[in-house]
C-alpha atoms as a PDB file:
ATOM      1  CA  MET A   1      39.003  78.338 174.557  1.00  0.00           C
ATOM      2  CA  ARG A   2      41.714  78.205 171.802  1.00  0.00           C
ATOM      3  CA  PRO A   3      45.140  80.306 172.572  1.00  0.00           C
ATOM      4  CA  ARG A   4      44.974  83.545 169.948  1.00  0.00           C
ATOM      5  CA  PRO A   5      47.336  84.118 167.495  1.00  0.00           C
ATOM      6  CA  ILE A   6      49.086  87.080 168.846  1.00  0.00           C
ATOM      7  CA  GLN A   7      49.758  85.070 172.570  1.00  0.00           C
ATOM      8  CA  LEU A   8      50.998  82.201 170.782  1.00  0.00           C
ATOM      9  CA  LEU A   9      53.700  84.572 168.380  1.00  0.00           C
ATOM     10  CA  LEU A  10      54.724  85.643 171.630  1.00  0.00           C
ATOM     11  CA  THR A  11      55.539  82.689 173.557  1.00  0.00           C
ATOM     12  CA  LEU A  12      57.380  81.226 170.632  1.00  0.00           C
ATOM     13  CA  LEU A  13      59.342  84.696 170.257  1.00  0.00           C
ATOM     14  CA  THR A  14      60.211  84.507 174.295  1.00  0.00           C
ATOM     15  CA  ILE A  15      60.990  80.871 173.379  1.00  0.00           C
ATOM     16  CA  ALA A  16      62.982  82.128 170.825  1.00  0.00           C
ATOM     17  CA  ALA A  17      64.818  84.878 172.453  1.00  0.00           C
ATOM     18  CA  THR A  18      66.165  82.212 174.936  1.00  0.00           C
ATOM     19  CA  GLY A  19      67.916  80.424 173.012  1.00  0.00           C
ATOM     20  CA  CYS A  20      71.597  80.933 170.408  1.00  0.00           C
ATOM     21  CA  ILE A  21      74.221  78.972 169.044  1.00  0.00           C
ATOM     22  CA  GLU A  22      77.794  80.187 169.836  1.00  0.00           C
ATOM     23  CA  HIS A  23      80.953  79.349 167.781  1.00  0.00           C
ATOM     24  CA  ARG A  24      84.465  79.061 169.637  1.00  0.00           C
ATOM     25  CA  ALA A  25      87.835  79.060 168.076  1.00  0.00           C
ATOM     26  CA  GLN A  26      90.589  78.399 170.708  1.00  0.00           C
ATOM     27  CA  VAL A  27      94.300  78.461 170.500  1.00  0.00           C
ATOM     28  CA  ARG A  28      96.309  77.415 172.854  1.00  0.00           C
ATOM     29  CA  ASN A  29      99.681  77.696 173.069  1.00  0.00           C
ATOM     30  CA  PRO A  30     101.514  74.218 174.597  1.00  0.00           C
ATOM     31  CA  GLU A  31     104.075  74.547 177.844  1.00  0.00           C
ATOM     32  CA  GLY A  32     107.740  73.404 176.908  1.00  0.00           C
ATOM     33  CA  GLU A  33     109.574  73.865 174.002  1.00  0.00           C
ATOM     34  CA  GLY A  34     106.584  74.078 171.331  1.00  0.00           C
ATOM     35  CA  ALA A  35     105.459  77.590 172.795  1.00  0.00           C
ATOM     36  CA  ALA A  36     105.162  80.414 171.290  1.00  0.00           C
ATOM     37  CA  GLY A  37     105.853  84.052 172.048  1.00  0.00           C
ATOM     38  CA  ALA A  38     103.837  85.865 170.366  1.00  0.00           C
ATOM     39  CA  ALA A  39     100.977  84.885 167.990  1.00  0.00           C
ATOM     40  CA  ALA A  40      98.615  86.981 165.395  1.00  0.00           C
ATOM     41  CA  ILE A  41      95.135  85.622 165.351  1.00  0.00           C
ATOM     42  CA  GLY A  42      92.934  86.420 163.145  1.00  0.00           C
ATOM     43  CA  VAL A  43      93.152  90.072 163.769  1.00  0.00           C
ATOM     44  CA  ALA A  44      93.775  90.554 167.279  1.00  0.00           C
ATOM     45  CA  VAL A  45      98.283  90.366 167.318  1.00  0.00           C
ATOM     46  CA  VAL A  46      98.537  88.757 171.199  1.00  0.00           C
ATOM     47  CA  ASP A  47     102.390  89.579 172.767  1.00  0.00           C
ATOM     48  CA  PRO A  48     103.055  88.238 174.603  1.00  0.00           C
ATOM     49  CA  PHE A  49     101.309  84.902 174.715  1.00  0.00           C
ATOM     50  CA  ALA A  50     102.081  83.250 178.090  1.00  0.00           C
ATOM     51  CA  ALA A  51     102.881  79.400 177.749  1.00  0.00           C
ATOM     52  CA  GLY A  52      99.923  77.703 178.776  1.00  0.00           C
ATOM     53  CA  SER A  53      97.208  80.151 177.397  1.00  0.00           C
ATOM     54  CA  VAL A  54      94.314  79.746 175.964  1.00  0.00           C
ATOM     55  CA  HIS A  55      92.972  82.831 173.386  1.00  0.00           C
ATOM     56  CA  THR A  56      89.350  82.531 172.469  1.00  0.00           C
ATOM     57  CA  VAL A  57      87.203  83.360 169.857  1.00  0.00           C
ATOM     58  CA  SER A  58      83.552  83.480 170.257  1.00  0.00           C
ATOM     59  CA  ASP A  59      80.949  84.337 167.702  1.00  0.00           C
ATOM     60  CA  PRO A  60      77.093  83.137 167.164  1.00  0.00           C
ATOM     61  CA  LEU A  61      78.916  82.689 163.186  1.00  0.00           C
ATOM     62  CA  PRO A  62      81.355  79.763 161.976  1.00  0.00           C
ATOM     63  CA  ARG A  63      85.151  81.021 162.757  1.00  0.00           C
ATOM     64  CA  ASP A  64      87.899  80.589 160.350  1.00  0.00           C
ATOM     65  CA  LEU A  65      91.077  82.361 162.217  1.00  0.00           C
ATOM     66  CA  GLY A  66      94.389  81.851 160.432  1.00  0.00           C
ATOM     67  CA  VAL A  67      97.333  81.647 163.255  1.00  0.00           C
ATOM     68  CA  ALA A  68     100.842  82.763 162.680  1.00  0.00           C
ATOM     69  CA  ALA A  69     102.988  82.302 165.779  1.00  0.00           C
ATOM     70  CA  TRP A  70     107.189  82.903 166.564  1.00  0.00           C
ATOM     71  CA  VAL A  71     109.932  82.662 169.032  1.00  0.00           C
ATOM     72  CA  GLN A  72     112.059  85.551 168.781  1.00  0.00           C
ATOM     73  CA  GLY A  73     115.881  85.869 169.228  1.00  0.00           C
ATOM     74  CA  GLU A  74     118.472  87.867 171.254  1.00  0.00           C
ATOM     75  CA  ASP A  75     118.760  90.000 167.732  1.00  0.00           C
ATOM     76  CA  ASP A  76     114.159  89.776 166.832  1.00  0.00           C
ATOM     77  CA  SER A  77     114.936  87.799 164.208  1.00  0.00           C
ATOM     78  CA  ILE A  78     112.735  84.739 164.418  1.00  0.00           C
ATOM     79  CA  ILE A  79     114.258  81.696 165.191  1.00  0.00           C
ATOM     80  CA  ARG A  80     110.970  79.454 166.007  1.00  0.00           C
ATOM     81  CA  ARG A  81     107.238  79.537 163.635  1.00  0.00           C
ATOM     82  CA  TRP A  82     104.469  78.482 163.101  1.00  0.00           C
ATOM     83  CA  HIS A  83     101.438  78.487 160.600  1.00  0.00           C
ATOM     84  CA  GLY A  84      97.564  77.313 161.077  1.00  0.00           C
ATOM     85  CA  ARG A  85      93.660  77.582 160.989  1.00  0.00           C
ATOM     86  CA  SER A  86      91.402  77.195 163.845  1.00  0.00           C
ATOM     87  CA  ARG A  87      88.270  76.673 162.052  1.00  0.00           C
ATOM     88  CA  THR A  88      84.956  75.943 163.689  1.00  0.00           C
ATOM     89  CA  PRO A  89      82.447  73.415 162.220  1.00  0.00           C
ATOM     90  CA  LEU A  90      79.555  73.807 160.686  1.00  0.00           C
ATOM     91  CA  PRO A  91      77.017  70.883 161.855  1.00  0.00           C
ATOM     92  CA  TRP A  92      73.743  69.386 160.713  1.00  0.00           C
ATOM     93  CA  TRP A  93      71.680  71.419 163.052  1.00  0.00           C
ATOM     94  CA  GLN A  94      72.389  75.064 162.024  1.00  0.00           C
ATOM     95  CA  ARG A  95      71.384  74.237 157.957  1.00  0.00           C
ATOM     96  CA  PHE A  96      68.096  74.864 156.555  1.00  0.00           C
ATOM     97  CA  PRO A  97      65.700  74.197 157.594  1.00  0.00           C
ATOM     98  CA  VAL A  98      66.453  72.048 160.738  1.00  0.00           C
ATOM     99  CA  ASP A  99      68.272  75.858 161.918  1.00  0.00           C
ATOM    100  CA  ILE A 100      64.507  77.346 162.499  1.00  0.00           C
ATOM    101  CA  ALA A 101      64.279  74.622 164.912  1.00  0.00           C
ATOM    102  CA  ALA A 102      67.824  74.628 166.674  1.00  0.00           C
ATOM    103  CA  GLU A 103      67.271  79.030 166.665  1.00  0.00           C
ATOM    104  CA  ALA A 104      64.074  78.565 169.229  1.00  0.00           C
ATOM    105  CA  TRP A 105      65.926  75.664 171.235  1.00  0.00           C
ATOM    106  CA  PRO A 106      66.315  77.116 175.123  1.00  0.00           C
ATOM    107  CA  ALA A 107      69.400  76.451 175.435  1.00  0.00           C
ATOM    108  CA  THR A 108      73.094  77.774 174.007  1.00  0.00           C
ATOM    109  CA  LEU A 109      74.219  75.305 171.878  1.00  0.00           C
ATOM    110  CA  ILE A 110      78.012  75.351 171.269  1.00  0.00           C
ATOM    111  CA  CYS A 111      80.468  74.475 167.886  1.00  0.00           C
ATOM    112  CA  ALA A 112      84.141  74.181 169.223  1.00  0.00           C
ATOM    113  CA  ALA A 113      87.019  73.945 167.660  1.00  0.00           C
ATOM    114  CA  GLU A 114      90.638  73.818 169.525  1.00  0.00           C
ATOM    115  CA  THR A 115      94.657  74.495 167.770  1.00  0.00           C
ATOM    116  CA  THR A 116      97.477  73.992 169.555  1.00  0.00           C
ATOM    117  CA  VAL A 117     100.760  76.330 168.279  1.00  0.00           C
ATOM    118  CA  ALA A 118     103.734  73.859 167.946  1.00  0.00           C
ATOM    119  CA  VAL A 119     106.332  76.123 166.505  1.00  0.00           C
ATOM    120  CA  THR A 120     109.478  74.677 164.906  1.00  0.00           C
ATOM    121  CA  PRO A 121     112.989  75.698 164.107  1.00  0.00           C
ATOM    122  CA  VAL A 122     113.579  77.941 161.221  1.00  0.00           C
ATOM    123  CA  ALA A 123     116.472  77.300 159.139  1.00  0.00           C
ATOM    124  CA  SER A 124     119.189  79.462 158.178  1.00  0.00           C
ATOM    125  CA  GLY A 125     119.205  80.724 154.712  1.00  0.00           C
ATOM    126  CA  ASP A 126     122.316  81.214 152.720  1.00  0.00           C
ATOM    127  CA  SER A 127     121.806  85.286 151.896  1.00  0.00           C
ATOM    128  CA  ASP A 128     123.877  84.332 148.839  1.00  0.00           C
ATOM    129  CA  ALA A 129     121.346  81.857 147.122  1.00  0.00           C
ATOM    130  CA  LEU A 130     118.529  84.193 148.424  1.00  0.00           C
ATOM    131  CA  LEU A 131     120.086  87.236 146.000  1.00  0.00           C
ATOM    132  CA  ALA A 132     120.607  84.869 143.019  1.00  0.00           C
ATOM    133  CA  ALA A 133     117.299  83.915 143.400  1.00  0.00           C
ATOM    134  CA  ALA A 134     116.005  87.340 143.410  1.00  0.00           C
ATOM    135  CA  ARG A 135     118.651  88.983 141.102  1.00  0.00           C
ATOM    136  CA  ARG A 136     117.001  85.490 138.461  1.00  0.00           C
ATOM    137  CA  ASP A 137     113.809  86.682 139.591  1.00  0.00           C
ATOM    138  CA  GLY A 138     114.023  90.233 138.626  1.00  0.00           C
ATOM    139  CA  TYR A 139     113.247  91.631 141.718  1.00  0.00           C
ATOM    140  CA  LEU A 140     117.122  92.702 142.456  1.00  0.00           C
ATOM    141  CA  THR A 141     118.745  94.378 139.393  1.00  0.00           C
ATOM    142  CA  ALA A 142     122.153  96.100 139.492  1.00  0.00           C
ATOM    143  CA  ALA A 143     122.753  99.751 140.580  1.00  0.00           C
ATOM    144  CA  PRO A 144     122.673 102.338 137.299  1.00  0.00           C
ATOM    145  CA  LYS A 145     126.047 103.566 137.307  1.00  0.00           C
ATOM    146  CA  PRO A 146     126.487 106.597 138.127  1.00  0.00           C
ATOM    147  CA  GLU A 147     127.382 109.144 135.072  1.00  0.00           C
ATOM    148  CA  PRO A 148     130.083 110.431 134.792  1.00  0.00           C
ATOM    149  CA  THR A 149     129.700 114.400 135.398  1.00  0.00           C
ATOM    150  CA  THR A 150     132.252 116.486 133.619  1.00  0.00           C
ATOM    151  CA  SER A 151     132.907 120.036 134.244  1.00  0.00           C
ATOM    152  CA  PRO A 152     133.919 122.478 131.769  1.00  0.00           C
ATOM    153  CA  ALA A 153     137.485 123.364 131.663  1.00  0.00           C
ATOM    154  CA  PRO A 154     138.094 126.324 133.148  1.00  0.00           C
ATOM    155  CA  GLN A 155     139.079 129.411 130.792  1.00  0.00           C
ATOM    156  CA  GLU A 156     141.552 132.063 131.541  1.00  0.00           C
ATOM    157  CA  SER A 157     140.171 135.541 131.368  1.00  0.00           C
ATOM    158  CA  ARG A 158     142.132 138.255 130.356  1.00  0.00           C
END
């Protein structure tokens, strides 16, 4: 007995519905000197970003997370910082035409990427050099001198 096309289609849909692909991007905050106090990961601000913690973002499509991490001093100035990315790969089995078979596979296929934060000290800048560069590049111009206001001389009334 030959299976009907509708039975074959339902069987394939049932198998295809059980499998999926997961892209998992992780950002790890280490213990010790390189640990960050807070971070902006993708569009999420993680504050506080506890030492030893892992922030995970999962999606069925490839992920590319921009990461900015920092440590603030007593006066809320940033004294240590780090910038990086956590980018999940696009493996060969997720490219056409192999992706058709990968989607039908009855298990979850995982693509993972992990990035570890390593904050470094921020060099303090010379404020006079910064102001000179701002003036040179046209970002800071001298304030216009106020026009002297002259009031008319009082006239005597008779």
